[in-house]
């Protein structure tokens, strides 16, 4: 996907340098370039910090969150879930 965006940017810049009218949001000559730039970086940083906080939350509480599961129970779930059924 990154390669595709790089290629589109290069093609748009090339065509614009040859005198064609190009409407591509990645070009500074686009009327809404500032809007595109703002939303692109806003959503990038939003998702980056969201997943960073999620990772830190899980890593700091993983002992507490998973303390009720023993290794034997994990093995039963992975290899033979029918053993977990109460008889």
PDB file of N, CA and C in Angstrom:
ATOM      1  N   UNK A   1       0.824  -1.184   0.000  1.00  0.00           N
ATOM      2  CA  UNK A   1       0.000   0.000   0.000  1.00  0.00           C
ATOM      3  C   UNK A   1       0.875   1.257   0.000  1.00  0.00           C
ATOM      4  N   UNK A   2       1.963   1.216   0.778  1.00  0.00           N
ATOM      5  CA  UNK A   2       2.860   2.378   0.821  1.00  0.00           C
ATOM      6  C   UNK A   2       3.481   2.634  -0.550  1.00  0.00           C
ATOM      7  N   UNK A   3       3.869   1.560  -1.199  1.00  0.00           N
ATOM      8  CA  UNK A   3       4.471   1.703  -2.529  1.00  0.00           C
ATOM      9  C   UNK A   3       3.472   2.311  -3.514  1.00  0.00           C
ATOM     10  N   UNK A   4       2.218   1.911  -3.405  1.00  0.00           N
ATOM     11  CA  UNK A   4       1.178   2.438  -4.298  1.00  0.00           C
ATOM     12  C   UNK A   4       0.997   3.944  -4.068  1.00  0.00           C
ATOM     13  N   UNK A   5       1.006   4.366  -2.828  1.00  0.00           N
ATOM     14  CA  UNK A   5       0.864   5.793  -2.528  1.00  0.00           C
ATOM     15  C   UNK A   5       2.077   6.592  -3.013  1.00  0.00           C
ATOM     16  N   UNK A   6       3.273   6.013  -2.859  1.00  0.00           N
ATOM     17  CA  UNK A   6       4.473   6.693  -3.357  1.00  0.00           C
ATOM     18  C   UNK A   6       4.409   6.858  -4.870  1.00  0.00           C
ATOM     19  N   UNK A   7       3.981   5.806  -5.555  1.00  0.00           N
ATOM     20  CA  UNK A   7       3.875   5.877  -7.014  1.00  0.00           C
ATOM     21  C   UNK A   7       2.845   6.911  -7.449  1.00  0.00           C
ATOM     22  N   UNK A   8       1.704   6.952  -6.771  1.00  0.00           N
ATOM     23  CA  UNK A   8       0.667   7.931  -7.111  1.00  0.00           C
ATOM     24  C   UNK A   8       1.176   9.352  -6.899  1.00  0.00           C
ATOM     25  N   UNK A   9       1.929   9.563  -5.816  1.00  0.00           N
ATOM     26  CA  UNK A   9       2.487  10.884  -5.540  1.00  0.00           C
ATOM     27  C   UNK A   9       3.474  11.287  -6.640  1.00  0.00           C
ATOM     28  N   UNK A  10       4.343  10.367  -7.037  1.00  0.00           N
ATOM     29  CA  UNK A  10       5.342  10.667  -8.069  1.00  0.00           C
ATOM     30  C   UNK A  10       4.684  10.958  -9.414  1.00  0.00           C
ATOM     31  N   UNK A  11       3.655  10.173  -9.750  1.00  0.00           N
ATOM     32  CA  UNK A  11       2.953  10.396 -11.017  1.00  0.00           C
ATOM     33  C   UNK A  11       2.254  11.749 -11.011  1.00  0.00           C
ATOM     34  N   UNK A  12       1.598  12.084  -9.898  1.00  0.00           N
ATOM     35  CA  UNK A  12       0.903  13.373  -9.802  1.00  0.00           C
ATOM     36  C   UNK A  12       1.895  14.535  -9.910  1.00  0.00           C
ATOM     37  N   UNK A  13       3.034  14.421  -9.242  1.00  0.00           N
ATOM     38  CA  UNK A  13       4.037  15.484  -9.331  1.00  0.00           C
ATOM     39  C   UNK A  13       4.598  15.600 -10.746  1.00  0.00           C
ATOM     40  N   UNK A  14       4.835  14.462 -11.399  1.00  0.00           N
ATOM     41  CA  UNK A  14       5.353  14.482 -12.760  1.00  0.00           C
ATOM     42  C   UNK A  14       4.372  15.149 -13.719  1.00  0.00           C
ATOM     43  N   UNK A  15       3.104  14.747 -13.630  1.00  0.00           N
ATOM     44  CA  UNK A  15       2.102  15.321 -14.525  1.00  0.00           C
ATOM     45  C   UNK A  15       1.917  16.813 -14.275  1.00  0.00           C
ATOM     46  N   UNK A  16       1.973  17.215 -13.011  1.00  0.00           N
ATOM     47  CA  UNK A  16       1.834  18.633 -12.697  1.00  0.00           C
ATOM     48  C   UNK A  16       3.027  19.435 -13.234  1.00  0.00           C
ATOM     49  N   UNK A  17       4.220  18.837 -13.185  1.00  0.00           N
ATOM     50  CA  UNK A  17       5.396  19.544 -13.703  1.00  0.00           C
ATOM     51  C   UNK A  17       5.346  19.690 -15.222  1.00  0.00           C
ATOM     52  N   UNK A  18       4.589  18.812 -15.911  1.00  0.00           N
ATOM     53  CA  UNK A  18       4.450  18.893 -17.365  1.00  0.00           C
ATOM     54  C   UNK A  18       3.330  19.837 -17.794  1.00  0.00           C
ATOM     55  N   UNK A  19       2.633  20.428 -16.828  1.00  0.00           N
ATOM     56  CA  UNK A  19       1.618  21.418 -17.152  1.00  0.00           C
ATOM     57  C   UNK A  19       0.194  20.916 -17.089  1.00  0.00           C
ATOM     58  N   UNK A  20      -0.005  19.662 -16.707  1.00  0.00           N
ATOM     59  CA  UNK A  20      -1.365  19.139 -16.584  1.00  0.00           C
ATOM     60  C   UNK A  20      -2.002  19.619 -15.290  1.00  0.00           C
ATOM     61  N   UNK A  21      -3.315  19.769 -15.302  1.00  0.00           N
ATOM     62  CA  UNK A  21      -4.038  20.126 -14.089  1.00  0.00           C
ATOM     63  C   UNK A  21      -4.335  18.824 -13.340  1.00  0.00           C
ATOM     64  N   UNK A  22      -3.741  18.673 -12.179  1.00  0.00           N
ATOM     65  CA  UNK A  22      -3.854  17.432 -11.403  1.00  0.00           C
ATOM     66  C   UNK A  22      -4.578  17.731 -10.101  1.00  0.00           C
ATOM     67  N   UNK A  23      -5.562  16.917  -9.773  1.00  0.00           N
ATOM     68  CA  UNK A  23      -6.311  17.050  -8.517  1.00  0.00           C
ATOM     69  C   UNK A  23      -5.971  15.846  -7.640  1.00  0.00           C
ATOM     70  N   UNK A  24      -4.912  15.966  -6.886  1.00  0.00           N
ATOM     71  CA  UNK A  24      -4.460  14.891  -5.996  1.00  0.00           C
ATOM     72  C   UNK A  24      -4.233  15.497  -4.616  1.00  0.00           C
ATOM     73  N   UNK A  25      -4.878  14.955  -3.574  1.00  0.00           N
ATOM     74  CA  UNK A  25      -4.788  15.582  -2.239  1.00  0.00           C
ATOM     75  C   UNK A  25      -3.381  15.644  -1.657  1.00  0.00           C
ATOM     76  N   UNK A  26      -2.472  14.832  -2.165  1.00  0.00           N
ATOM     77  CA  UNK A  26      -1.108  14.863  -1.649  1.00  0.00           C
ATOM     78  C   UNK A  26      -0.274  16.003  -2.187  1.00  0.00           C
ATOM     79  N   UNK A  27      -0.758  16.690  -3.202  1.00  0.00           N
ATOM     80  CA  UNK A  27      -0.025  17.822  -3.777  1.00  0.00           C
ATOM     81  C   UNK A  27      -0.346  19.103  -3.018  1.00  0.00           C
ATOM     82  N   UNK A  28       0.660  19.932  -2.851  1.00  0.00           N
ATOM     83  CA  UNK A  28       0.440  21.195  -2.134  1.00  0.00           C
ATOM     84  C   UNK A  28      -0.436  22.154  -2.923  1.00  0.00           C
ATOM     85  N   UNK A  29      -0.543  21.942  -4.223  1.00  0.00           N
ATOM     86  CA  UNK A  29      -1.377  22.815  -5.043  1.00  0.00           C
ATOM     87  C   UNK A  29      -2.864  22.464  -4.956  1.00  0.00           C
ATOM     88  N   UNK A  30      -3.180  21.356  -4.322  1.00  0.00           N
ATOM     89  CA  UNK A  30      -4.585  20.955  -4.185  1.00  0.00           C
ATOM     90  C   UNK A  30      -5.291  21.918  -3.244  1.00  0.00           C
ATOM     91  N   UNK A  31      -6.543  22.345  -3.583  1.00  0.00           N
ATOM     92  CA  UNK A  31      -7.234  23.346  -2.750  1.00  0.00           C
ATOM     93  C   UNK A  31      -7.483  22.893  -1.311  1.00  0.00           C
ATOM     94  N   UNK A  32      -7.599  21.606  -1.088  1.00  0.00           N
ATOM     95  CA  UNK A  32      -7.880  21.111   0.260  1.00  0.00           C
ATOM     96  C   UNK A  32      -6.705  20.333   0.839  1.00  0.00           C
ATOM     97  N   UNK A  33      -5.510  20.714   0.462  1.00  0.00           N
ATOM     98  CA  UNK A  33      -4.310  20.029   0.943  1.00  0.00           C
ATOM     99  C   UNK A  33      -4.187  20.117   2.466  1.00  0.00           C
ATOM    100  N   UNK A  34      -4.478  21.276   3.030  1.00  0.00           N
ATOM    101  CA  UNK A  34      -4.362  21.453   4.477  1.00  0.00           C
ATOM    102  C   UNK A  34      -5.334  20.548   5.230  1.00  0.00           C
ATOM    103  N   UNK A  35      -6.542  20.396   4.683  1.00  0.00           N
ATOM    104  CA  UNK A  35      -7.540  19.521   5.315  1.00  0.00           C
ATOM    105  C   UNK A  35      -7.056  18.078   5.265  1.00  0.00           C
ATOM    106  N   UNK A  36      -6.573  17.653   4.114  1.00  0.00           N
ATOM    107  CA  UNK A  36      -6.045  16.299   3.964  1.00  0.00           C
ATOM    108  C   UNK A  36      -4.889  16.067   4.930  1.00  0.00           C
ATOM    109  N   UNK A  37      -3.969  17.014   4.979  1.00  0.00           N
ATOM    110  CA  UNK A  37      -2.788  16.890   5.829  1.00  0.00           C
ATOM    111  C   UNK A  37      -3.189  16.785   7.297  1.00  0.00           C
ATOM    112  N   UNK A  38      -4.122  17.623   7.736  1.00  0.00           N
ATOM    113  CA  UNK A  38      -4.577  17.608   9.124  1.00  0.00           C
ATOM    114  C   UNK A  38      -5.208  16.273   9.481  1.00  0.00           C
ATOM    115  N   UNK A  39      -6.162  15.793   8.670  1.00  0.00           N
ATOM    116  CA  UNK A  39      -6.853  14.549   8.987  1.00  0.00           C
ATOM    117  C   UNK A  39      -5.939  13.339   8.899  1.00  0.00           C
ATOM    118  N   UNK A  40      -5.029  13.348   7.939  1.00  0.00           N
ATOM    119  CA  UNK A  40      -4.107  12.229   7.804  1.00  0.00           C
ATOM    120  C   UNK A  40      -3.284  12.062   9.072  1.00  0.00           C
ATOM    121  N   UNK A  41      -2.675  13.151   9.540  1.00  0.00           N
ATOM    122  CA  UNK A  41      -1.844  13.051  10.728  1.00  0.00           C
ATOM    123  C   UNK A  41      -2.666  12.922  11.998  1.00  0.00           C
ATOM    124  N   UNK A  42      -3.835  13.512  12.055  1.00  0.00           N
ATOM    125  CA  UNK A  42      -4.689  13.369  13.230  1.00  0.00           C
ATOM    126  C   UNK A  42      -5.058  11.909  13.451  1.00  0.00           C
ATOM    127  N   UNK A  43      -5.537  11.240  12.404  1.00  0.00           N
ATOM    128  CA  UNK A  43      -5.939   9.846  12.550  1.00  0.00           C
ATOM    129  C   UNK A  43      -4.746   8.926  12.761  1.00  0.00           C
ATOM    130  N   UNK A  44      -3.624   9.241  12.135  1.00  0.00           N
ATOM    131  CA  UNK A  44      -2.425   8.429  12.349  1.00  0.00           C
ATOM    132  C   UNK A  44      -2.024   8.465  13.817  1.00  0.00           C
ATOM    133  N   UNK A  45      -1.905   9.661  14.391  1.00  0.00           N
ATOM    134  CA  UNK A  45      -1.488   9.782  15.787  1.00  0.00           C
ATOM    135  C   UNK A  45      -2.562   9.279  16.740  1.00  0.00           C
ATOM    136  N   UNK A  46      -3.825   9.448  16.385  1.00  0.00           N
ATOM    137  CA  UNK A  46      -4.899   8.930  17.233  1.00  0.00           C
ATOM    138  C   UNK A  46      -4.787   7.416  17.360  1.00  0.00           C
ATOM    139  N   UNK A  47      -4.655   6.719  16.240  1.00  0.00           N
ATOM    140  CA  UNK A  47      -4.562   5.259  16.297  1.00  0.00           C
ATOM    141  C   UNK A  47      -3.255   4.812  16.923  1.00  0.00           C
ATOM    142  N   UNK A  48      -2.176   5.542  16.672  1.00  0.00           N
ATOM    143  CA  UNK A  48      -0.901   5.192  17.287  1.00  0.00           C
ATOM    144  C   UNK A  48      -1.010   5.246  18.811  1.00  0.00           C
ATOM    145  N   UNK A  49      -1.524   6.345  19.348  1.00  0.00           N
ATOM    146  CA  UNK A  49      -1.631   6.476  20.794  1.00  0.00           C
ATOM    147  C   UNK A  49      -2.682   5.535  21.373  1.00  0.00           C
ATOM    148  N   UNK A  50      -3.757   5.269  20.633  1.00  0.00           N
ATOM    149  CA  UNK A  50      -4.767   4.324  21.115  1.00  0.00           C
ATOM    150  C   UNK A  50      -4.151   2.942  21.317  1.00  0.00           C
ATOM    151  N   UNK A  51      -3.425   2.456  20.323  1.00  0.00           N
ATOM    152  CA  UNK A  51      -2.829   1.130  20.444  1.00  0.00           C
ATOM    153  C   UNK A  51      -1.669   1.113  21.425  1.00  0.00           C
ATOM    154  N   UNK A  52      -0.977   2.232  21.571  1.00  0.00           N
ATOM    155  CA  UNK A  52       0.077   2.314  22.571  1.00  0.00           C
ATOM    156  C   UNK A  52      -0.510   2.211  23.973  1.00  0.00           C
ATOM    157  N   UNK A  53      -1.573   2.944  24.241  1.00  0.00           N
ATOM    158  CA  UNK A  53      -2.220   2.884  25.554  1.00  0.00           C
ATOM    159  C   UNK A  53      -2.799   1.500  25.793  1.00  0.00           C
ATOM    160  N   UNK A  54      -3.404   0.912  24.785  1.00  0.00           N
ATOM    161  CA  UNK A  54      -3.952  -0.439  24.924  1.00  0.00           C
ATOM    162  C   UNK A  54      -2.850  -1.436  25.243  1.00  0.00           C
ATOM    163  N   UNK A  55      -1.731  -1.347  24.547  1.00  0.00           N
ATOM    164  CA  UNK A  55      -0.610  -2.240  24.802  1.00  0.00           C
ATOM    165  C   UNK A  55      -0.074  -2.061  26.224  1.00  0.00           C
ATOM    166  N   UNK A  56       0.093  -0.809  26.647  1.00  0.00           N
ATOM    167  CA  UNK A  56       0.602  -0.562  27.993  1.00  0.00           C
ATOM    168  C   UNK A  56      -0.369  -1.037  29.057  1.00  0.00           C
ATOM    169  N   UNK A  57      -1.658  -0.872  28.822  1.00  0.00           N
ATOM    170  CA  UNK A  57      -2.658  -1.337  29.776  1.00  0.00           C
ATOM    171  C   UNK A  57      -2.611  -2.853  29.916  1.00  0.00           C
ATOM    172  N   UNK A  58      -2.592  -3.547  28.799  1.00  0.00           N
ATOM    173  CA  UNK A  58      -2.579  -5.007  28.840  1.00  0.00           C
ATOM    174  C   UNK A  58      -1.278  -5.517  29.436  1.00  0.00           C
ATOM    175  N   UNK A  59      -0.156  -4.928  29.061  1.00  0.00           N
ATOM    176  CA  UNK A  59       1.120  -5.413  29.581  1.00  0.00           C
ATOM    177  C   UNK A  59       1.266  -5.150  31.077  1.00  0.00           C
ATOM    178  N   UNK A  60       0.695  -4.072  31.585  1.00  0.00           N
ATOM    179  CA  UNK A  60       0.824  -3.785  33.010  1.00  0.00           C
ATOM    180  C   UNK A  60      -0.143  -4.600  33.860  1.00  0.00           C
ATOM    181  N   UNK A  61      -1.262  -5.013  33.289  1.00  0.00           N
ATOM    182  CA  UNK A  61      -2.248  -5.769  34.055  1.00  0.00           C
ATOM    183  C   UNK A  61      -2.370  -7.220  33.627  1.00  0.00           C
ATOM    184  N   UNK A  62      -1.443  -7.716  32.808  1.00  0.00           N
ATOM    185  CA  UNK A  62      -1.621  -9.080  32.303  1.00  0.00           C
ATOM    186  C   UNK A  62      -1.540 -10.119  33.412  1.00  0.00           C
ATOM    187  N   UNK A  63      -0.700  -9.896  34.415  1.00  0.00           N
ATOM    188  CA  UNK A  63      -0.638 -10.851  35.523  1.00  0.00           C
ATOM    189  C   UNK A  63      -1.960 -10.890  36.279  1.00  0.00           C
ATOM    190  N   UNK A  64      -2.566  -9.738  36.457  1.00  0.00           N
ATOM    191  CA  UNK A  64      -3.847  -9.682  37.154  1.00  0.00           C
ATOM    192  C   UNK A  64      -4.974 -10.221  36.271  1.00  0.00           C
ATOM    193  N   UNK A  65      -4.984  -9.852  35.009  1.00  0.00           N
ATOM    194  CA  UNK A  65      -6.064 -10.259  34.121  1.00  0.00           C
ATOM    195  C   UNK A  65      -6.094 -11.760  33.885  1.00  0.00           C
ATOM    196  N   UNK A  66      -4.916 -12.368  33.825  1.00  0.00           N
ATOM    197  CA  UNK A  66      -4.856 -13.789  33.491  1.00  0.00           C
ATOM    198  C   UNK A  66      -4.456 -14.660  34.671  1.00  0.00           C
ATOM    199  N   UNK A  67      -4.494 -14.121  35.882  1.00  0.00           N
ATOM    200  CA  UNK A  67      -4.086 -14.893  37.052  1.00  0.00           C
ATOM    201  C   UNK A  67      -5.075 -16.002  37.395  1.00  0.00           C
ATOM    202  N   UNK A  68      -6.316 -15.893  36.984  1.00  0.00           N
ATOM    203  CA  UNK A  68      -7.309 -16.916  37.312  1.00  0.00           C
ATOM    204  C   UNK A  68      -7.206 -18.131  36.403  1.00  0.00           C
ATOM    205  N   UNK A  69      -6.417 -18.070  35.372  1.00  0.00           N
ATOM    206  CA  UNK A  69      -6.256 -19.197  34.459  1.00  0.00           C
ATOM    207  C   UNK A  69      -4.924 -19.874  34.763  1.00  0.00           C
ATOM    208  N   UNK A  70      -4.963 -21.153  35.033  1.00  0.00           N
ATOM    209  CA  UNK A  70      -3.729 -21.892  35.279  1.00  0.00           C
ATOM    210  C   UNK A  70      -3.216 -22.461  33.961  1.00  0.00           C
ATOM    211  N   UNK A  71      -1.987 -22.898  33.978  1.00  0.00           N
ATOM    212  CA  UNK A  71      -1.407 -23.472  32.763  1.00  0.00           C
ATOM    213  C   UNK A  71      -2.138 -24.742  32.350  1.00  0.00           C
ATOM    214  N   UNK A  72      -2.623 -25.505  33.330  1.00  0.00           N
ATOM    215  CA  UNK A  72      -3.359 -26.729  33.015  1.00  0.00           C
ATOM    216  C   UNK A  72      -4.654 -26.402  32.270  1.00  0.00           C
ATOM    217  N   UNK A  73      -5.344 -25.361  32.701  1.00  0.00           N
ATOM    218  CA  UNK A  73      -6.579 -24.973  32.024  1.00  0.00           C
ATOM    219  C   UNK A  73      -6.298 -24.485  30.613  1.00  0.00           C
ATOM    220  N   UNK A  74      -5.216 -23.767  30.421  1.00  0.00           N
ATOM    221  CA  UNK A  74      -4.862 -23.295  29.084  1.00  0.00           C
ATOM    222  C   UNK A  74      -4.590 -24.484  28.176  1.00  0.00           C
ATOM    223  N   UNK A  75      -3.865 -25.474  28.676  1.00  0.00           N
ATOM    224  CA  UNK A  75      -3.594 -26.672  27.878  1.00  0.00           C
ATOM    225  C   UNK A  75      -4.879 -27.400  27.534  1.00  0.00           C
ATOM    226  N   UNK A  76      -5.818 -27.458  28.464  1.00  0.00           N
ATOM    227  CA  UNK A  76      -7.085 -28.126  28.180  1.00  0.00           C
ATOM    228  C   UNK A  76      -7.867 -27.388  27.102  1.00  0.00           C
ATOM    229  N   UNK A  77      -7.882 -26.088  27.157  1.00  0.00           N
ATOM    230  CA  UNK A  77      -8.602 -25.307  26.154  1.00  0.00           C
ATOM    231  C   UNK A  77      -7.963 -25.479  24.794  1.00  0.00           C
ATOM    232  N   UNK A  78      -6.647 -25.479  24.739  1.00  0.00           N
ATOM    233  CA  UNK A  78      -5.955 -25.573  23.464  1.00  0.00           C
ATOM    234  C   UNK A  78      -6.021 -26.964  22.851  1.00  0.00           C
ATOM    235  N   UNK A  79      -5.873 -28.002  23.686  1.00  0.00           N
ATOM    236  CA  UNK A  79      -5.717 -29.342  23.136  1.00  0.00           C
ATOM    237  C   UNK A  79      -6.940 -30.239  23.279  1.00  0.00           C
ATOM    238  N   UNK A  80      -7.765 -29.998  24.283  1.00  0.00           N
ATOM    239  CA  UNK A  80      -8.947 -30.845  24.440  1.00  0.00           C
ATOM    240  C   UNK A  80     -10.049 -30.059  25.158  1.00  0.00           C
ATOM    241  N   UNK A  81     -10.772 -29.218  24.449  1.00  0.00           N
ATOM    242  CA  UNK A  81     -11.792 -28.394  25.121  1.00  0.00           C
ATOM    243  C   UNK A  81     -12.948 -29.203  25.708  1.00  0.00           C
ATOM    244  N   UNK A  82     -13.128 -30.423  25.274  1.00  0.00           N
ATOM    245  CA  UNK A  82     -14.244 -31.215  25.808  1.00  0.00           C
ATOM    246  C   UNK A  82     -14.012 -31.594  27.261  1.00  0.00           C
ATOM    247  N   UNK A  83     -12.786 -31.557  27.754  1.00  0.00           N
ATOM    248  CA  UNK A  83     -12.502 -31.874  29.154  1.00  0.00           C
ATOM    249  C   UNK A  83     -13.008 -30.798  30.095  1.00  0.00           C
ATOM    250  N   UNK A  84     -13.279 -29.618  29.582  1.00  0.00           N
ATOM    251  CA  UNK A  84     -13.729 -28.529  30.430  1.00  0.00           C
ATOM    252  C   UNK A  84     -15.196 -28.630  30.792  1.00  0.00           C
ATOM    253  N   UNK A  85     -15.932 -29.480  30.106  1.00  0.00           N
ATOM    254  CA  UNK A  85     -17.358 -29.625  30.355  1.00  0.00           C
ATOM    255  C   UNK A  85     -17.552 -30.303  31.706  1.00  0.00           C
ATOM    256  N   UNK A  86     -18.394 -29.727  32.552  1.00  0.00           N
ATOM    257  CA  UNK A  86     -18.668 -30.314  33.857  1.00  0.00           C
ATOM    258  C   UNK A  86     -19.440 -31.614  33.709  1.00  0.00           C
ATOM    259  N   UNK A  87     -19.005 -32.640  34.438  1.00  0.00           N
ATOM    260  CA  UNK A  87     -19.685 -33.946  34.345  1.00  0.00           C
ATOM    261  C   UNK A  87     -20.420 -34.274  35.601  1.00  0.00           C
TER     262      UNK A  87
END
